[in-house]
């Protein structure tokens, strides 16, 4: 779909010359000769760029520019003038014009300005989507689970097949979607994201398909939907399992035919979009309950990918911690912190119900609060004490889980350490007694002890060495 350019000038020969030159370059053009006509046209349906003359018969082009900016912050505007001044050019730039072209405009100057403005507009659109994100989408992991995921990504990304990503919250489903896009033939096109669970049901159709002016209360101007914005690229439908049934049938039509109509519109638009969807729900359960269309599921699920929970690849936790810590220190203007092996062990010993997202948040807190330059287990525990009110955190939660596991195994009530001991000594003594009693309960079976305490066997061995517990013969 070629970009649509609106040319606004009161001189017919200039309209004809610019329109013909730009159409030869492959653009679609529309022309109007007054300020009122320009604003009316922009309210009817969106365009990709506006070429706007400073002098118009019914108003000042700079006033028109200001009104365009009130209607839309994203459409790029290039100002034109046959008798422009530096003052006018500066004012136009302050009002949001991307460039100021002096008449007569040479074809090379025109084409470069238009191409640059369209490219910048696309980049800004992507930046709006990414403004709350770090802008780094590489995934960290050397475990067998992650290597398997990377191998699947290498095979699937270059294809045009739709992908359905499943997995718990916080496992990095969006990172997988971005990796698919970045390694696809569409990587130079846009990556557009919409969270189906975050948009109100009465607005989700407009969000995806766009709307025409007057389609509903508040629709004061036409607006493109996410499908149009993603044309030539990838559309990521996050939490698609939460999409209302009323929307699912319309999604199915777009996937089947590559066509859509804006809300309130009659014109059929064709789009070329690769759809990647994600959900944390069991889609087959949702289908059985009548909440998700089976035909839509099979359209989306050409290739299935699962984002593994962090507990499935705990050996990657040390690398993730170091990666997130370096990133958090850089972002917060701190020198890089170093963690002792005991501090790393503290991170590994937790199950992370919030998965990688929870780990990342915890590391960022550490980067903000730690004294440094080296963080040992004692300082980590101190920081966790400070943060106790903000929710369950690794060292304390791991101890509570171990005590609960011991109780379930029939070893009695949770152990209370002697009063008067330092906190670190109390924690160590509690862990030592828990492990000893669980080993006794399992007749010295280390594998069963690790299972009851919900620890990796290698991590249990490390703890036993640190606490002076000799492995059973």
Protein backbone atom coordinates (compact mmCIF):
# COMPACT_ATOMS: atom_id res chain seq x y z
CA UNK A 1 0.00 0.00 0.00
CA UNK A 2 1.74 3.16 -1.24
CA UNK A 3 1.93 6.11 1.20
CA UNK A 4 -0.74 8.76 0.68
CA UNK A 5 0.46 12.39 0.53
CA UNK A 6 -1.82 15.43 0.85
CA UNK A 7 -0.56 18.52 -1.03
CA UNK A 8 -2.03 21.89 0.06
CA UNK A 9 -1.34 24.90 -2.20
CA UNK A 10 -3.46 27.55 -3.91
CA UNK A 11 -1.42 27.50 -7.14
CA UNK A 12 -2.81 24.90 -9.55
CA UNK A 13 0.42 24.51 -11.52
CA UNK A 14 2.37 23.74 -8.33
CA UNK A 15 -0.26 21.17 -7.27
CA UNK A 16 -0.04 19.50 -10.69
CA UNK A 17 3.78 19.53 -10.81
CA UNK A 18 4.30 18.16 -7.30
CA UNK A 19 1.53 15.59 -7.66
CA UNK A 20 2.88 14.26 -10.97
CA UNK A 21 6.48 14.06 -9.72
CA UNK A 22 5.52 12.22 -6.50
CA UNK A 23 3.21 9.78 -8.28
CA UNK A 24 6.04 8.85 -10.65
CA UNK A 25 8.06 8.02 -7.51
CA UNK A 26 5.30 5.60 -6.43
CA UNK A 27 3.33 7.72 -3.96
CA UNK A 28 -0.43 8.29 -3.92
CA UNK A 29 -1.31 12.00 -3.87
CA UNK A 30 -4.35 14.12 -3.16
CA UNK A 31 -4.54 17.89 -3.63
CA UNK A 32 -6.54 20.72 -2.06
CA UNK A 33 -6.14 24.48 -2.40
CA UNK A 34 -7.51 25.93 0.86
CA UNK A 35 -6.91 25.63 4.57
CA UNK A 36 -10.52 24.57 5.22
CA UNK A 37 -10.38 21.85 2.58
CA UNK A 38 -7.13 20.52 4.05
CA UNK A 39 -8.54 20.24 7.57
CA UNK A 40 -11.78 18.68 6.32
CA UNK A 41 -9.84 16.12 4.28
CA UNK A 42 -7.62 15.18 7.23
CA UNK A 43 -10.67 14.71 9.46
CA UNK A 44 -12.22 12.31 6.94
CA UNK A 45 -9.37 9.79 6.82
CA UNK A 46 -5.67 9.75 7.68
CA UNK A 47 -2.78 10.41 5.31
CA UNK A 48 0.90 9.54 5.60
CA UNK A 49 2.31 13.04 5.01
CA UNK A 50 1.20 16.63 4.36
CA UNK A 51 2.95 19.14 2.08
CA UNK A 52 1.60 22.50 3.25
CA UNK A 53 2.05 25.98 1.76
CA UNK A 54 2.57 28.90 4.17
CA UNK A 55 0.28 31.30 2.26
CA UNK A 56 -3.29 30.13 1.61
CA UNK A 57 -6.29 32.16 0.41
CA UNK A 58 -8.35 31.54 3.55
CA UNK A 59 -5.68 31.42 6.24
CA UNK A 60 -2.09 31.13 7.37
CA UNK A 61 -0.44 27.77 6.74
CA UNK A 62 1.21 27.96 10.17
CA UNK A 63 -2.24 28.15 11.78
CA UNK A 64 -3.26 25.12 9.76
CA UNK A 65 -0.12 23.33 10.98
CA UNK A 66 -1.07 24.06 14.58
CA UNK A 67 -4.58 22.66 14.02
CA UNK A 68 -3.16 19.55 12.33
CA UNK A 69 -1.00 18.98 15.40
CA UNK A 70 -4.11 19.21 17.59
CA UNK A 71 -5.82 16.53 15.49
CA UNK A 72 -2.78 14.27 15.17
CA UNK A 73 0.69 14.37 16.70
CA UNK A 74 2.04 11.72 14.37
CA UNK A 75 1.34 12.81 10.77
CA UNK A 76 4.53 14.42 9.33
CA UNK A 77 4.17 17.91 7.82
CA UNK A 78 6.55 19.60 5.36
CA UNK A 79 6.06 23.37 4.96
CA UNK A 80 6.52 25.12 1.57
CA UNK A 81 6.98 28.80 0.76
CA UNK A 82 8.02 30.96 -2.19
CA UNK A 83 9.06 33.83 0.05
CA UNK A 84 9.98 32.25 3.32
CA UNK A 85 12.09 33.81 6.02
CA UNK A 86 14.30 32.34 8.71
CA UNK A 87 11.76 33.51 11.28
CA UNK A 88 8.96 31.65 9.47
CA UNK A 89 11.04 28.50 9.17
CA UNK A 90 11.91 28.57 12.88
CA UNK A 91 8.28 29.09 13.85
CA UNK A 92 7.18 26.21 11.60
CA UNK A 93 9.76 23.92 13.19
CA UNK A 94 8.61 24.87 16.69
CA UNK A 95 5.02 24.06 15.69
CA UNK A 96 6.08 20.58 14.58
CA UNK A 97 7.02 20.82 10.89
CA UNK A 98 9.76 18.37 9.93
CA UNK A 99 11.23 20.45 7.12
CA UNK A 100 10.85 23.78 5.31
CA UNK A 101 11.06 23.72 1.50
CA UNK A 102 11.65 26.90 -0.51
CA UNK A 103 9.94 27.24 -3.90
CA UNK A 104 10.73 26.37 -6.56
CA UNK A 105 11.37 22.95 -5.08
CA UNK A 106 13.87 20.78 -6.95
CA UNK A 107 12.80 17.18 -7.49
CA UNK A 108 15.82 15.75 -5.63
CA UNK A 109 15.21 18.01 -2.64
CA UNK A 110 11.52 17.06 -2.67
CA UNK A 111 12.08 13.31 -2.83
CA UNK A 112 14.71 13.30 -0.09
CA UNK A 113 12.53 15.40 2.24
CA UNK A 114 9.50 13.19 1.73
CA UNK A 115 11.44 9.93 2.14
CA UNK A 116 13.17 11.20 5.31
CA UNK A 117 9.89 12.41 6.80
CA UNK A 118 8.13 9.10 6.16
CA UNK A 119 11.06 7.13 7.57
CA UNK A 120 11.18 9.32 10.69
CA UNK A 121 7.43 8.98 11.14
CA UNK A 122 7.71 5.19 11.11
CA UNK A 123 10.55 5.25 13.61
CA UNK A 124 8.60 7.55 15.92
CA UNK A 125 5.58 5.27 15.73
CA UNK A 126 7.71 2.33 16.81
CA UNK A 127 9.27 4.43 19.57
CA UNK A 128 5.83 5.25 20.93
CA UNK A 129 5.15 1.55 21.14
CA UNK A 130 8.47 0.98 22.90
CA UNK A 131 8.68 4.05 25.13
CA UNK A 132 8.36 2.03 28.35
CA UNK A 133 10.75 -0.67 27.28
CA UNK A 134 14.50 -0.91 27.31
CA UNK A 135 14.97 -1.29 23.59
CA UNK A 136 17.04 -4.44 24.04
CA UNK A 137 15.43 -7.71 22.99
CA UNK A 138 18.20 -10.29 23.09
CA UNK A 139 17.40 -13.29 25.27
CA UNK A 140 19.92 -14.69 27.74
CA UNK A 141 20.29 -18.40 28.32
CA UNK A 142 22.60 -21.33 27.64
CA UNK A 143 20.45 -24.11 29.13
CA UNK A 144 19.10 -26.95 27.00
CA UNK A 145 15.62 -25.44 27.26
CA UNK A 146 16.74 -22.08 25.91
CA UNK A 147 18.96 -23.61 23.23
CA UNK A 148 15.94 -25.54 22.00
CA UNK A 149 13.89 -22.33 21.90
CA UNK A 150 16.62 -20.49 19.95
CA UNK A 151 16.84 -23.32 17.43
CA UNK A 152 13.08 -23.20 16.86
CA UNK A 153 13.23 -19.42 16.45
CA UNK A 154 15.95 -19.76 13.82
CA UNK A 155 13.74 -22.13 11.84
CA UNK A 156 10.46 -20.25 12.22
CA UNK A 157 11.49 -16.58 12.02
CA UNK A 158 12.29 -16.43 8.25
CA UNK A 159 8.94 -17.97 7.33
CA UNK A 160 5.61 -16.20 6.86
CA UNK A 161 3.83 -18.64 9.17
CA UNK A 162 1.68 -17.31 11.98
CA UNK A 163 2.92 -18.17 15.46
CA UNK A 164 1.05 -18.69 18.73
CA UNK A 165 3.27 -18.23 21.80
CA UNK A 166 2.04 -19.69 25.08
CA UNK A 167 3.51 -19.41 28.55
CA UNK A 168 3.06 -18.00 32.02
CA UNK A 169 3.15 -14.29 32.80
CA UNK A 170 6.65 -12.85 32.89
CA UNK A 171 8.30 -15.54 30.75
CA UNK A 172 9.23 -13.23 27.86
CA UNK A 173 6.56 -13.93 25.25
CA UNK A 174 7.00 -10.46 23.78
CA UNK A 175 10.76 -10.96 23.51
CA UNK A 176 10.09 -14.08 21.46
CA UNK A 177 7.68 -12.16 19.21
CA UNK A 178 10.27 -9.42 18.65
CA UNK A 179 12.95 -12.00 17.91
CA UNK A 180 10.65 -13.54 15.28
CA UNK A 181 10.24 -10.12 13.68
CA UNK A 182 13.90 -9.11 13.87
CA UNK A 183 15.02 -12.30 12.15
CA UNK A 184 12.28 -12.31 9.50
CA UNK A 185 12.14 -10.92 5.99
CA UNK A 186 9.89 -8.19 7.43
CA UNK A 187 12.49 -6.79 9.85
CA UNK A 188 12.68 -3.48 7.94
CA UNK A 189 8.92 -3.08 8.39
CA UNK A 190 7.07 -2.03 11.54
CA UNK A 191 6.58 -4.17 14.64
CA UNK A 192 3.23 -3.18 16.17
CA UNK A 193 1.93 -4.47 19.48
CA UNK A 194 -1.55 -4.48 20.98
CA UNK A 195 -2.50 -6.00 24.33
CA UNK A 196 -5.97 -7.48 23.88
CA UNK A 197 -6.49 -7.63 27.66
CA UNK A 198 -5.58 -3.97 28.25
CA UNK A 199 -7.99 -2.39 25.74
CA UNK A 200 -11.67 -2.04 26.78
CA UNK A 201 -13.91 -4.42 24.84
CA UNK A 202 -15.91 -1.56 23.33
CA UNK A 203 -12.72 -0.01 21.88
CA UNK A 204 -10.72 -3.07 20.83
CA UNK A 205 -12.27 -3.23 17.33
CA UNK A 206 -11.35 0.40 16.66
CA UNK A 207 -7.87 -0.20 18.08
CA UNK A 208 -7.24 -3.05 15.64
CA UNK A 209 -9.13 -1.97 12.53
CA UNK A 210 -9.28 1.82 12.89
CA UNK A 211 -12.35 4.00 12.51
CA UNK A 212 -13.83 6.68 10.31
CA UNK A 213 -14.79 10.14 11.45
CA UNK A 214 -18.11 10.07 13.33
CA UNK A 215 -18.11 6.28 13.72
CA UNK A 216 -18.91 6.70 17.41
CA UNK A 217 -19.00 9.40 20.06
CA UNK A 218 -15.57 10.97 20.32
CA UNK A 219 -14.40 9.90 16.85
CA UNK A 220 -13.67 13.46 15.71
CA UNK A 221 -11.19 12.32 13.06
CA UNK A 222 -10.45 9.19 11.09
CA UNK A 223 -7.81 6.91 12.60
CA UNK A 224 -5.74 3.98 11.37
CA UNK A 225 -5.89 0.75 13.31
CA UNK A 226 -3.01 -1.50 14.33
CA UNK A 227 -3.43 -3.74 11.28
CA UNK A 228 -2.88 -0.79 8.93
CA UNK A 229 0.04 0.49 10.99
CA UNK A 230 1.64 -2.96 10.81
CA UNK A 231 1.28 -3.21 7.02
CA UNK A 232 4.44 -4.77 5.60
CA UNK A 233 5.59 -5.87 9.05
CA UNK A 234 4.49 -7.86 12.09
CA UNK A 235 1.46 -7.42 14.36
CA UNK A 236 1.84 -8.86 17.86
CA UNK A 237 -1.52 -9.72 19.47
CA UNK A 238 -0.59 -10.07 23.12
CA UNK A 239 -3.04 -11.86 25.47
CA UNK A 240 -5.17 -12.88 22.50
CA UNK A 241 -6.98 -15.34 24.78
CA UNK A 242 -8.74 -12.32 26.31
CA UNK A 243 -10.11 -11.06 23.00
CA UNK A 244 -13.96 -10.88 23.11
CA UNK A 245 -15.88 -13.35 20.97
CA UNK A 246 -17.42 -10.46 19.00
CA UNK A 247 -13.94 -9.52 17.80
CA UNK A 248 -12.72 -13.03 17.09
CA UNK A 249 -14.91 -13.49 14.00
CA UNK A 250 -13.55 -10.27 12.49
CA UNK A 251 -10.00 -11.31 13.28
CA UNK A 252 -10.66 -14.56 11.48
CA UNK A 253 -11.73 -12.69 8.33
CA UNK A 254 -8.56 -10.59 8.27
CA UNK A 255 -6.41 -13.69 8.72
CA UNK A 256 -8.27 -15.58 5.99
CA UNK A 257 -8.62 -12.83 3.38
CA UNK A 258 -6.12 -10.08 4.31
CA UNK A 259 -8.94 -7.53 4.19
CA UNK A 260 -10.63 -5.25 6.70
CA UNK A 261 -12.98 -2.31 7.03
CA UNK A 262 -12.58 0.49 9.52
CA UNK A 263 -15.32 0.91 12.11
CA UNK A 264 -18.00 3.05 10.50
CA UNK A 265 -16.46 2.65 7.06
CA UNK A 266 -17.47 0.88 3.85
CA UNK A 267 -14.14 0.80 2.00
CA UNK A 268 -12.36 -2.56 2.00
CA UNK A 269 -8.66 -2.24 2.73
CA UNK A 270 -6.05 -4.88 2.00
CA UNK A 271 -3.20 -5.40 4.44
CA UNK A 272 -0.03 -7.48 4.31
CA UNK A 273 0.71 -8.41 7.92
CA UNK A 274 2.32 -11.34 9.67
CA UNK A 275 0.42 -12.04 12.88
CA UNK A 276 2.17 -13.36 15.99
CA UNK A 277 -0.13 -13.98 18.96
CA UNK A 278 0.50 -14.84 22.61
CA UNK A 279 -1.53 -15.94 25.61
CA UNK A 280 -0.99 -17.19 29.15
CA UNK A 281 -4.22 -19.18 29.02
CA UNK A 282 -4.84 -22.81 28.10
CA UNK A 283 -6.51 -22.15 24.76
CA UNK A 284 -8.02 -25.63 24.47
CA UNK A 285 -9.71 -25.13 27.84
CA UNK A 286 -10.99 -21.76 26.63
CA UNK A 287 -12.35 -23.42 23.46
CA UNK A 288 -14.12 -26.12 25.49
CA UNK A 289 -15.67 -23.39 27.68
CA UNK A 290 -16.91 -21.52 24.60
CA UNK A 291 -14.72 -18.48 25.20
CA UNK A 292 -12.41 -18.90 22.20
CA UNK A 293 -13.21 -19.87 18.62
CA UNK A 294 -11.66 -23.13 17.52
CA UNK A 295 -11.31 -21.96 13.89
CA UNK A 296 -9.43 -18.86 15.04
CA UNK A 297 -7.13 -21.02 17.17
CA UNK A 298 -6.13 -23.11 14.16
CA UNK A 299 -5.57 -19.97 12.07
CA UNK A 300 -3.25 -18.49 14.69
CA UNK A 301 -1.55 -21.73 15.67
CA UNK A 302 0.32 -22.50 12.44
CA UNK A 303 3.47 -22.80 14.55
CA UNK A 304 3.29 -23.20 18.34
CA UNK A 305 6.02 -21.87 20.62
CA UNK A 306 6.12 -22.09 24.41
CA UNK A 307 7.98 -19.60 26.58
CA UNK A 308 9.50 -21.70 29.39
CA UNK A 309 8.98 -20.76 33.03
CA UNK A 310 12.18 -19.72 34.80
CA UNK A 311 11.97 -22.73 37.13
CA UNK A 312 12.46 -24.92 34.04
CA UNK A 313 15.91 -23.44 33.34
CA UNK A 314 17.35 -22.33 36.72
CA UNK A 315 20.91 -22.76 35.46
CA UNK A 316 20.38 -19.58 33.44
CA UNK A 317 19.63 -17.50 36.56
CA UNK A 318 23.28 -16.47 37.26
CA UNK A 319 23.71 -15.19 33.70
CA UNK A 320 20.35 -13.41 33.82
CA UNK A 321 21.22 -11.78 37.14
CA UNK A 322 24.55 -10.47 35.82
CA UNK A 323 22.94 -9.24 32.59
CA UNK A 324 20.09 -7.44 34.35
CA UNK A 325 22.44 -6.02 36.99
CA UNK A 326 24.80 -4.50 34.42
CA UNK A 327 21.84 -3.07 32.54
CA UNK A 328 20.20 -1.66 35.71
CA UNK A 329 23.47 -0.07 36.86
CA UNK A 330 23.94 1.59 33.49
CA UNK A 331 20.36 2.86 33.42
CA UNK A 332 20.58 4.24 36.96
CA UNK A 333 23.98 5.85 36.47
CA UNK A 334 25.87 3.50 38.78
CA UNK A 335 29.18 1.71 38.41
CA UNK A 336 28.67 -1.99 37.75
CA UNK A 337 28.15 -4.04 40.91
CA UNK A 338 29.74 -7.42 41.49
CA UNK A 339 27.96 -10.29 43.29
CA UNK A 340 29.72 -12.87 45.44
CA UNK A 341 29.03 -16.57 44.74
CA UNK A 342 26.92 -16.75 47.91
CA UNK A 343 24.76 -13.83 46.68
CA UNK A 344 24.29 -15.56 43.32
CA UNK A 345 23.25 -18.73 45.19
CA UNK A 346 20.60 -16.72 46.99
CA UNK A 347 19.06 -15.78 43.65
CA UNK A 348 19.23 -19.35 42.35
CA UNK A 349 17.44 -20.75 45.39
CA UNK A 350 14.11 -19.07 44.65
CA UNK A 351 11.35 -20.32 42.33
CA UNK A 352 10.16 -16.94 40.95
CA UNK A 353 6.40 -17.25 40.48
CA UNK A 354 6.66 -14.05 38.41
CA UNK A 355 9.36 -15.64 36.24
CA UNK A 356 12.03 -13.56 34.47
CA UNK A 357 10.07 -10.33 34.99
CA UNK A 358 10.16 -10.83 38.76
CA UNK A 359 13.89 -11.60 38.69
CA UNK A 360 14.57 -8.48 36.64
CA UNK A 361 12.59 -6.27 39.03
CA UNK A 362 14.42 -7.71 42.03
CA UNK A 363 17.82 -7.11 40.43
CA UNK A 364 16.88 -3.52 39.64
CA UNK A 365 15.99 -2.94 43.31
CA UNK A 366 19.36 -4.35 44.25
CA UNK A 367 21.13 -2.02 41.80
CA UNK A 368 19.38 0.98 43.34
CA UNK A 369 19.85 0.10 47.02
CA UNK A 370 23.17 -1.77 47.25
CA UNK A 371 26.24 0.08 48.52
CA UNK A 372 28.71 -1.82 46.33
CA UNK A 373 31.07 -2.20 44.66
CA UNK A 374 30.64 -5.85 45.72
CA UNK A 375 27.41 -7.31 47.08
CA UNK A 376 27.67 -10.33 49.36
CA UNK A 377 24.91 -12.50 50.79
CA UNK A 378 24.76 -10.44 54.00
CA UNK A 379 24.12 -7.17 52.15
CA UNK A 380 21.60 -8.94 49.94
CA UNK A 381 19.75 -10.17 53.04
CA UNK A 382 19.87 -6.66 54.48
CA UNK A 383 18.30 -5.24 51.34
CA UNK A 384 15.65 -7.96 51.41
CA UNK A 385 14.86 -6.97 55.01
CA UNK A 386 14.38 -3.39 53.90
CA UNK A 387 12.09 -4.56 51.10
CA UNK A 388 10.13 -7.09 53.14
CA UNK A 389 6.94 -4.99 53.02
CA UNK A 390 6.94 -4.94 49.22
CA UNK A 391 6.22 -8.66 48.92
CA UNK A 392 7.76 -12.12 49.18
CA UNK A 393 11.43 -12.05 48.28
CA UNK A 394 13.96 -14.83 47.66
CA UNK A 395 15.78 -15.59 50.89
CA UNK A 396 12.78 -15.29 53.15
CA UNK A 397 10.40 -17.02 50.77
CA UNK A 398 12.86 -19.86 50.15
CA UNK A 399 13.14 -20.43 53.91
CA UNK A 400 9.37 -20.38 54.36
CA UNK A 401 8.88 -22.81 51.46
CA UNK A 402 11.51 -25.15 52.92
CA UNK A 403 9.82 -25.10 56.31
CA UNK A 404 6.44 -25.78 54.72
CA UNK A 405 7.92 -28.65 52.72
CA UNK A 406 9.42 -30.10 55.89
CA UNK A 407 6.08 -29.90 57.67
CA UNK A 408 4.36 -31.63 54.73
CA UNK A 409 7.00 -34.35 54.96
CA UNK A 410 5.96 -35.00 58.56
CA UNK A 411 8.98 -33.55 60.35
CA UNK A 412 6.97 -31.33 62.67
CA UNK A 413 6.52 -27.59 63.06
CA UNK A 414 8.76 -24.93 61.57
CA UNK A 415 12.01 -24.40 63.45
CA UNK A 416 12.50 -21.26 65.52
CA UNK A 417 16.19 -20.27 65.87
CA UNK A 418 17.67 -19.25 69.22
CA UNK A 419 17.00 -15.66 70.29
CA UNK A 420 19.88 -13.20 70.35
CA UNK A 421 21.63 -14.48 67.23
CA UNK A 422 22.46 -12.20 64.32
CA UNK A 423 19.95 -12.45 61.48
CA UNK A 424 22.38 -14.15 59.07
CA UNK A 425 23.26 -16.73 61.73
CA UNK A 426 19.58 -17.39 62.46
CA UNK A 427 18.86 -17.91 58.77
CA UNK A 428 21.86 -20.24 58.37
CA UNK A 429 20.94 -22.26 61.46
CA UNK A 430 17.31 -22.57 60.34
CA UNK A 431 18.41 -23.81 56.91
CA UNK A 432 20.86 -26.27 58.50
CA UNK A 433 18.23 -27.75 60.81
CA UNK A 434 15.66 -27.98 58.01
CA UNK A 435 18.07 -29.85 55.74
CA UNK A 436 19.24 -32.20 58.52
CA UNK A 437 15.72 -33.13 59.55
CA UNK A 438 14.56 -33.61 55.96
CA UNK A 439 17.59 -35.85 55.29
CA UNK A 440 16.64 -37.84 58.35
CA UNK A 441 13.06 -38.11 57.12
CA UNK A 442 14.24 -39.42 53.72
CA UNK A 443 16.84 -41.82 55.18
CA UNK A 444 19.63 -39.76 53.66
CA UNK A 445 18.21 -39.70 50.12
CA UNK A 446 19.59 -36.42 48.75
CA UNK A 447 17.44 -36.49 45.59
CA UNK A 448 14.24 -36.90 47.64
CA UNK A 449 15.41 -34.24 50.10
CA UNK A 450 15.95 -31.80 47.23
CA UNK A 451 12.47 -32.59 45.90
CA UNK A 452 10.81 -31.98 49.27
CA UNK A 453 12.69 -28.72 49.76
CA UNK A 454 11.93 -27.68 46.16
CA UNK A 455 15.63 -27.18 45.35
CA UNK A 456 17.85 -28.27 42.51
CA UNK A 457 20.02 -31.18 43.75
CA UNK A 458 23.22 -29.29 42.81
CA UNK A 459 22.04 -26.29 44.81
CA UNK A 460 21.27 -28.50 47.81
CA UNK A 461 24.78 -29.93 47.71
CA UNK A 462 26.21 -26.39 47.67
CA UNK A 463 24.10 -25.42 50.67
CA UNK A 464 25.12 -28.53 52.55
CA UNK A 465 28.82 -27.74 51.99
CA UNK A 466 28.32 -24.13 53.05
CA UNK A 467 26.46 -25.21 56.22
CA UNK A 468 28.96 -27.95 57.11
CA UNK A 469 26.61 -30.85 56.43
CA UNK A 470 28.37 -33.92 55.11
CA UNK A 471 26.51 -35.78 52.35
CA UNK A 472 25.24 -39.24 53.47
CA UNK A 473 27.38 -42.16 52.35
